[in-house]
Every structure is written in structure tokens, then in C-alpha cells.
Amino acid sequence: MSNSQESLEDRSLEDRLKKVIVESLMLEDVKPEDIDPEAPLFVEGLGLDSIDALELAMAIHQEFGVKTSAEDERNREYFYSVRSLAQFIRSQQDGAASEKPAQATEAAAKAAGG
């Protein structure tokens, strides 16, 4: 796969993620195209909280078929930004995960520090 094709797929995944974030969290004042893919999702940036994290984790599971493990210490990294979430989703979909995932809601709560 060429770099331009790969970056196009990454951008497409990020765009889908932005739409999922806005729609699943009902962010009325935010448009998907206004979300910076590298900006933090929690506290600063979009200002999401632990409840948003749970809803987002469920929406990501429903849309992309991806779960995180509640015991995974990297959950904060995965949920840091749209870009980090896209990289995580891509790695999971490519079969890079070696552990069986646990409940997405538990992982999201842990990721948000809740």
C-alpha cells in the first residue's frame, strides 16, 4: 500500500471517528470537521468527561467492532485524541491485538480516570 493511499485511509478513519464522537455524544455546538485530530479529547480540547468516555467506548465498539481491555494501562493513550484512537482501531482491525478484550465500558472509565 502506498503512503498516499495509507494516509487517505487514515484520514477517512479519523473523519468517521469525528462523526461518531459528535453523534454519539450529541455535541450540538461541535461539527466533526472542527475537531483537530491531534487535540486532546478529555479535560482540555473537547472537554469530555468519564461519562462521555463510557458512551464513546460503546459507540466505537458498535461502529468499528473494537474493544479495549479494562486492564490495559495504555487506555489513556488510546483515548487521548482522534488520531490516537484511529491508530488503536487500525491496529485492532489489523489483528495486532494479542489479548482478548474485556468490557469497553470498564476500559473507558479507567481511561477517563473514573
N, C-alpha and C. Protein backbone atom coordinates (compact mmCIF):
# COMPACT_ATOMS: atom_id res chain seq x y z
N MET A 1 0.85 -1.18 0.00
CA MET A 1 0.00 0.00 0.00
C MET A 1 0.89 1.24 0.00
N SER A 2 0.57 2.19 -0.85
CA SER A 2 1.39 3.39 -0.95
C SER A 2 1.11 4.31 0.23
N ASN A 3 2.06 5.22 0.49
CA ASN A 3 1.89 6.16 1.59
C ASN A 3 0.68 7.05 1.39
N SER A 4 0.44 7.51 0.15
CA SER A 4 -0.71 8.38 -0.09
C SER A 4 -2.02 7.63 0.14
N GLN A 5 -2.08 6.37 -0.25
CA GLN A 5 -3.29 5.58 -0.03
C GLN A 5 -3.48 5.33 1.46
N GLU A 6 -2.39 5.05 2.15
CA GLU A 6 -2.47 4.81 3.59
C GLU A 6 -2.92 6.07 4.32
N SER A 7 -2.38 7.23 3.98
CA SER A 7 -2.77 8.46 4.66
C SER A 7 -4.22 8.81 4.35
N LEU A 8 -4.70 8.49 3.14
CA LEU A 8 -6.09 8.72 2.78
C LEU A 8 -7.00 7.84 3.64
N GLU A 9 -6.62 6.58 3.85
CA GLU A 9 -7.39 5.68 4.70
C GLU A 9 -7.39 6.16 6.15
N ASP A 10 -6.23 6.64 6.62
CA ASP A 10 -6.14 7.16 7.98
C ASP A 10 -7.05 8.37 8.16
N ARG A 11 -7.03 9.26 7.17
CA ARG A 11 -7.88 10.45 7.23
C ARG A 11 -9.36 10.06 7.21
N SER A 12 -9.70 9.08 6.41
CA SER A 12 -11.07 8.61 6.34
C SER A 12 -11.52 8.03 7.68
N LEU A 13 -10.66 7.24 8.31
CA LEU A 13 -10.97 6.67 9.62
C LEU A 13 -11.12 7.79 10.65
N GLU A 14 -10.24 8.78 10.62
CA GLU A 14 -10.34 9.90 11.54
C GLU A 14 -11.65 10.67 11.33
N ASP A 15 -12.04 10.86 10.07
CA ASP A 15 -13.29 11.55 9.77
C ASP A 15 -14.48 10.76 10.30
N ARG A 16 -14.45 9.44 10.14
CA ARG A 16 -15.53 8.60 10.68
C ARG A 16 -15.57 8.70 12.20
N LEU A 17 -14.40 8.70 12.83
CA LEU A 17 -14.32 8.81 14.29
C LEU A 17 -14.89 10.14 14.76
N LYS A 18 -14.55 11.21 14.09
CA LYS A 18 -15.07 12.53 14.47
C LYS A 18 -16.60 12.54 14.41
N LYS A 19 -17.14 11.94 13.37
CA LYS A 19 -18.59 11.87 13.23
C LYS A 19 -19.20 11.04 14.36
N VAL A 20 -18.58 9.92 14.69
CA VAL A 20 -19.06 9.07 15.79
C VAL A 20 -19.03 9.85 17.10
N ILE A 21 -17.97 10.60 17.34
CA ILE A 21 -17.85 11.38 18.57
C ILE A 21 -18.98 12.40 18.66
N VAL A 22 -19.17 13.18 17.61
CA VAL A 22 -20.21 14.22 17.63
C VAL A 22 -21.60 13.62 17.77
N GLU A 23 -21.88 12.57 17.00
CA GLU A 23 -23.22 11.99 17.03
C GLU A 23 -23.51 11.21 18.31
N SER A 24 -22.56 10.38 18.75
CA SER A 24 -22.82 9.54 19.93
C SER A 24 -22.88 10.36 21.21
N LEU A 25 -22.14 11.47 21.25
CA LEU A 25 -22.13 12.30 22.45
C LEU A 25 -23.08 13.50 22.32
N MET A 26 -23.76 13.57 21.18
CA MET A 26 -24.71 14.66 20.91
C MET A 26 -24.10 16.03 21.18
N LEU A 27 -22.94 16.27 20.60
CA LEU A 27 -22.24 17.55 20.76
C LEU A 27 -22.85 18.56 19.79
N GLU A 28 -23.85 19.29 20.26
CA GLU A 28 -24.61 20.18 19.41
C GLU A 28 -23.79 21.35 18.86
N ASP A 29 -22.82 21.83 19.60
CA ASP A 29 -22.05 23.00 19.19
C ASP A 29 -20.76 22.65 18.47
N VAL A 30 -20.57 21.37 18.15
CA VAL A 30 -19.33 20.92 17.51
C VAL A 30 -19.66 20.22 16.21
N LYS A 31 -18.92 20.58 15.17
CA LYS A 31 -19.04 19.89 13.88
C LYS A 31 -17.85 18.95 13.76
N PRO A 32 -18.04 17.80 13.14
CA PRO A 32 -16.92 16.86 13.01
C PRO A 32 -15.67 17.51 12.39
N GLU A 33 -15.86 18.34 11.39
CA GLU A 33 -14.71 18.95 10.72
C GLU A 33 -13.98 19.98 11.59
N ASP A 34 -14.60 20.40 12.70
CA ASP A 34 -13.97 21.35 13.61
C ASP A 34 -13.04 20.68 14.63
N ILE A 35 -13.09 19.36 14.71
CA ILE A 35 -12.27 18.63 15.69
C ILE A 35 -10.87 18.43 15.13
N ASP A 36 -9.88 18.94 15.86
CA ASP A 36 -8.48 18.74 15.49
C ASP A 36 -8.11 17.30 15.84
N PRO A 37 -7.61 16.52 14.87
CA PRO A 37 -7.32 15.11 15.15
C PRO A 37 -6.23 14.88 16.20
N GLU A 38 -5.44 15.91 16.48
CA GLU A 38 -4.39 15.75 17.48
C GLU A 38 -4.73 16.40 18.82
N ALA A 39 -5.86 17.08 18.91
CA ALA A 39 -6.25 17.76 20.16
C ALA A 39 -6.74 16.73 21.18
N PRO A 40 -6.48 16.99 22.45
CA PRO A 40 -6.97 16.09 23.50
C PRO A 40 -8.50 16.02 23.48
N LEU A 41 -9.03 14.84 23.77
CA LEU A 41 -10.48 14.67 23.83
C LEU A 41 -11.03 14.99 25.22
N PHE A 42 -10.22 14.73 26.25
CA PHE A 42 -10.69 14.88 27.63
C PHE A 42 -10.07 16.11 28.28
N VAL A 43 -10.80 16.65 29.25
CA VAL A 43 -10.45 17.84 30.02
C VAL A 43 -10.24 19.02 29.07
N GLU A 44 -8.99 19.31 28.69
CA GLU A 44 -8.79 20.37 27.70
C GLU A 44 -9.24 19.83 26.34
N GLY A 45 -9.08 20.55 25.29
CA GLY A 45 -9.54 20.07 23.99
C GLY A 45 -11.05 20.08 23.93
N LEU A 46 -11.66 18.92 23.66
CA LEU A 46 -13.12 18.83 23.59
C LEU A 46 -13.79 18.89 24.97
N GLY A 47 -13.02 18.62 26.01
CA GLY A 47 -13.56 18.71 27.36
C GLY A 47 -14.47 17.56 27.76
N LEU A 48 -14.25 16.39 27.20
CA LEU A 48 -15.08 15.23 27.54
C LEU A 48 -14.77 14.77 28.96
N ASP A 49 -15.74 14.08 29.55
CA ASP A 49 -15.58 13.56 30.92
C ASP A 49 -15.72 12.04 30.94
N SER A 50 -15.76 11.45 32.13
CA SER A 50 -15.78 9.98 32.24
C SER A 50 -17.07 9.37 31.69
N ILE A 51 -18.20 10.07 31.83
CA ILE A 51 -19.45 9.57 31.26
C ILE A 51 -19.34 9.56 29.73
N ASP A 52 -18.76 10.62 29.17
CA ASP A 52 -18.54 10.67 27.72
C ASP A 52 -17.63 9.52 27.28
N ALA A 53 -16.64 9.20 28.11
CA ALA A 53 -15.72 8.11 27.77
C ALA A 53 -16.46 6.78 27.65
N LEU A 54 -17.38 6.53 28.55
CA LEU A 54 -18.16 5.30 28.50
C LEU A 54 -19.01 5.24 27.23
N GLU A 55 -19.69 6.34 26.94
CA GLU A 55 -20.53 6.39 25.74
C GLU A 55 -19.69 6.26 24.47
N LEU A 56 -18.54 6.91 24.47
CA LEU A 56 -17.66 6.85 23.30
C LEU A 56 -17.12 5.44 23.10
N ALA A 57 -16.74 4.78 24.17
CA ALA A 57 -16.24 3.41 24.06
C ALA A 57 -17.30 2.48 23.48
N MET A 58 -18.53 2.66 23.92
CA MET A 58 -19.62 1.82 23.39
C MET A 58 -19.88 2.13 21.92
N ALA A 59 -19.84 3.41 21.56
CA ALA A 59 -20.06 3.81 20.17
C ALA A 59 -18.95 3.28 19.26
N ILE A 60 -17.72 3.32 19.74
CA ILE A 60 -16.58 2.80 18.96
C ILE A 60 -16.71 1.29 18.79
N HIS A 61 -17.14 0.62 19.83
CA HIS A 61 -17.35 -0.83 19.71
C HIS A 61 -18.44 -1.13 18.68
N GLN A 62 -19.52 -0.37 18.74
CA GLN A 62 -20.63 -0.60 17.81
C GLN A 62 -20.23 -0.26 16.37
N GLU A 63 -19.54 0.84 16.17
CA GLU A 63 -19.19 1.30 14.82
C GLU A 63 -18.04 0.52 14.21
N PHE A 64 -17.02 0.22 15.02
CA PHE A 64 -15.79 -0.38 14.49
C PHE A 64 -15.52 -1.80 14.97
N GLY A 65 -16.32 -2.30 15.93
CA GLY A 65 -16.12 -3.65 16.43
C GLY A 65 -14.86 -3.81 17.26
N VAL A 66 -14.44 -2.73 17.91
CA VAL A 66 -13.18 -2.72 18.67
C VAL A 66 -13.47 -2.47 20.15
N LYS A 67 -12.85 -3.27 20.99
CA LYS A 67 -12.94 -3.08 22.44
C LYS A 67 -11.54 -2.92 23.01
N THR A 68 -11.46 -2.29 24.16
CA THR A 68 -10.19 -2.22 24.87
C THR A 68 -10.30 -3.08 26.13
N SER A 69 -9.18 -3.51 26.62
CA SER A 69 -9.15 -4.29 27.84
C SER A 69 -9.14 -3.35 29.04
N ALA A 70 -9.97 -3.63 30.03
CA ALA A 70 -10.03 -2.78 31.23
C ALA A 70 -8.68 -2.73 31.94
N GLU A 71 -7.89 -3.78 31.79
CA GLU A 71 -6.59 -3.84 32.46
C GLU A 71 -5.47 -3.16 31.67
N ASP A 72 -5.76 -2.71 30.47
CA ASP A 72 -4.73 -2.13 29.62
C ASP A 72 -4.34 -0.74 30.12
N GLU A 73 -3.11 -0.61 30.55
CA GLU A 73 -2.63 0.66 31.09
C GLU A 73 -2.49 1.73 30.01
N ARG A 74 -2.59 1.35 28.75
CA ARG A 74 -2.45 2.32 27.66
C ARG A 74 -3.78 2.95 27.24
N ASN A 75 -4.86 2.67 27.96
CA ASN A 75 -6.16 3.22 27.58
C ASN A 75 -6.15 4.74 27.47
N ARG A 76 -5.46 5.40 28.38
CA ARG A 76 -5.38 6.87 28.30
C ARG A 76 -4.71 7.30 27.00
N GLU A 77 -3.71 6.56 26.57
CA GLU A 77 -3.05 6.86 25.29
C GLU A 77 -4.01 6.66 24.13
N TYR A 78 -4.75 5.55 24.15
CA TYR A 78 -5.68 5.26 23.07
C TYR A 78 -6.75 6.33 22.93
N PHE A 79 -7.30 6.78 24.06
CA PHE A 79 -8.40 7.73 24.06
C PHE A 79 -7.93 9.18 24.13
N TYR A 80 -6.65 9.42 23.93
CA TYR A 80 -6.12 10.78 24.05
C TYR A 80 -6.68 11.72 22.99
N SER A 81 -6.70 11.30 21.73
CA SER A 81 -7.12 12.16 20.62
C SER A 81 -7.78 11.31 19.54
N VAL A 82 -8.35 11.98 18.56
CA VAL A 82 -8.92 11.28 17.41
C VAL A 82 -7.83 10.46 16.72
N ARG A 83 -6.66 11.05 16.56
CA ARG A 83 -5.57 10.36 15.86
C ARG A 83 -5.13 9.11 16.63
N SER A 84 -4.99 9.22 17.94
CA SER A 84 -4.56 8.04 18.71
C SER A 84 -5.64 6.96 18.71
N LEU A 85 -6.90 7.37 18.74
CA LEU A 85 -7.99 6.39 18.65
C LEU A 85 -7.99 5.70 17.28
N ALA A 86 -7.75 6.47 16.23
CA ALA A 86 -7.71 5.90 14.88
C ALA A 86 -6.58 4.88 14.77
N GLN A 87 -5.42 5.21 15.33
CA GLN A 87 -4.29 4.27 15.30
C GLN A 87 -4.62 3.00 16.07
N PHE A 88 -5.27 3.15 17.21
CA PHE A 88 -5.66 1.99 18.01
C PHE A 88 -6.66 1.12 17.24
N ILE A 89 -7.67 1.74 16.67
CA ILE A 89 -8.68 1.00 15.91
C ILE A 89 -8.03 0.27 14.75
N ARG A 90 -7.16 0.95 14.03
CA ARG A 90 -6.48 0.33 12.89
C ARG A 90 -5.67 -0.89 13.36
N SER A 91 -4.95 -0.75 14.46
CA SER A 91 -4.13 -1.87 14.95
C SER A 91 -5.00 -3.06 15.36
N GLN A 92 -6.15 -2.77 15.97
CA GLN A 92 -7.06 -3.84 16.37
C GLN A 92 -7.68 -4.52 15.15
N GLN A 93 -8.07 -3.73 14.18
CA GLN A 93 -8.68 -4.29 12.98
C GLN A 93 -7.68 -5.06 12.14
N ASP A 94 -6.41 -4.71 12.25
CA ASP A 94 -5.36 -5.42 11.52
C ASP A 94 -4.93 -6.68 12.26
N GLY A 95 -5.55 -6.95 13.39
CA GLY A 95 -5.25 -8.17 14.14
C GLY A 95 -4.01 -8.07 15.00
N ALA A 96 -3.60 -6.85 15.34
CA ALA A 96 -2.38 -6.67 16.12
C ALA A 96 -2.59 -6.93 17.61
N ALA A 97 -3.83 -7.02 18.05
CA ALA A 97 -4.10 -7.23 19.47
C ALA A 97 -3.78 -8.68 19.84
N SER A 98 -3.11 -8.84 20.95
CA SER A 98 -2.76 -10.20 21.36
C SER A 98 -3.60 -10.69 22.53
N GLU A 99 -4.23 -9.75 23.26
CA GLU A 99 -5.05 -10.16 24.40
C GLU A 99 -6.51 -10.10 24.04
N LYS A 100 -7.29 -10.96 24.69
CA LYS A 100 -8.74 -10.93 24.48
C LYS A 100 -9.29 -9.70 25.21
N PRO A 101 -10.04 -8.82 24.51
CA PRO A 101 -10.54 -7.60 25.14
C PRO A 101 -11.63 -7.87 26.17
N ALA A 102 -11.69 -7.00 27.18
CA ALA A 102 -12.73 -7.06 28.22
C ALA A 102 -13.82 -6.06 27.84
N GLN A 103 -14.65 -5.72 28.79
CA GLN A 103 -15.75 -4.80 28.52
C GLN A 103 -15.23 -3.41 28.17
N ALA A 104 -15.74 -2.81 27.11
CA ALA A 104 -15.33 -1.48 26.66
C ALA A 104 -15.68 -0.43 27.70
N THR A 105 -16.78 -0.60 28.38
CA THR A 105 -17.19 0.41 29.36
C THR A 105 -16.23 0.49 30.53
N GLU A 106 -15.74 -0.65 31.00
CA GLU A 106 -14.76 -0.64 32.09
C GLU A 106 -13.48 0.04 31.66
N ALA A 107 -13.01 -0.24 30.46
CA ALA A 107 -11.79 0.33 29.95
C ALA A 107 -11.91 1.84 29.78
N ALA A 108 -13.05 2.29 29.29
CA ALA A 108 -13.25 3.72 29.08
C ALA A 108 -13.28 4.46 30.41
N ALA A 109 -13.91 3.87 31.41
CA ALA A 109 -13.96 4.51 32.72
C ALA A 109 -12.56 4.65 33.28
N LYS A 110 -11.76 3.62 33.11
CA LYS A 110 -10.38 3.65 33.58
C LYS A 110 -9.57 4.68 32.79
N ALA A 111 -9.84 4.78 31.48
CA ALA A 111 -9.12 5.72 30.62
C ALA A 111 -9.41 7.16 31.03
N ALA A 112 -10.63 7.43 31.48
CA ALA A 112 -11.02 8.78 31.85
C ALA A 112 -10.68 9.07 33.31
N GLY A 113 -10.11 8.09 33.99
CA GLY A 113 -9.71 8.30 35.39
C GLY A 113 -10.86 8.18 36.36
N GLY A 114 -11.97 7.59 35.89
CA GLY A 114 -13.17 7.48 36.72
C GLY A 114 -13.30 6.17 37.39
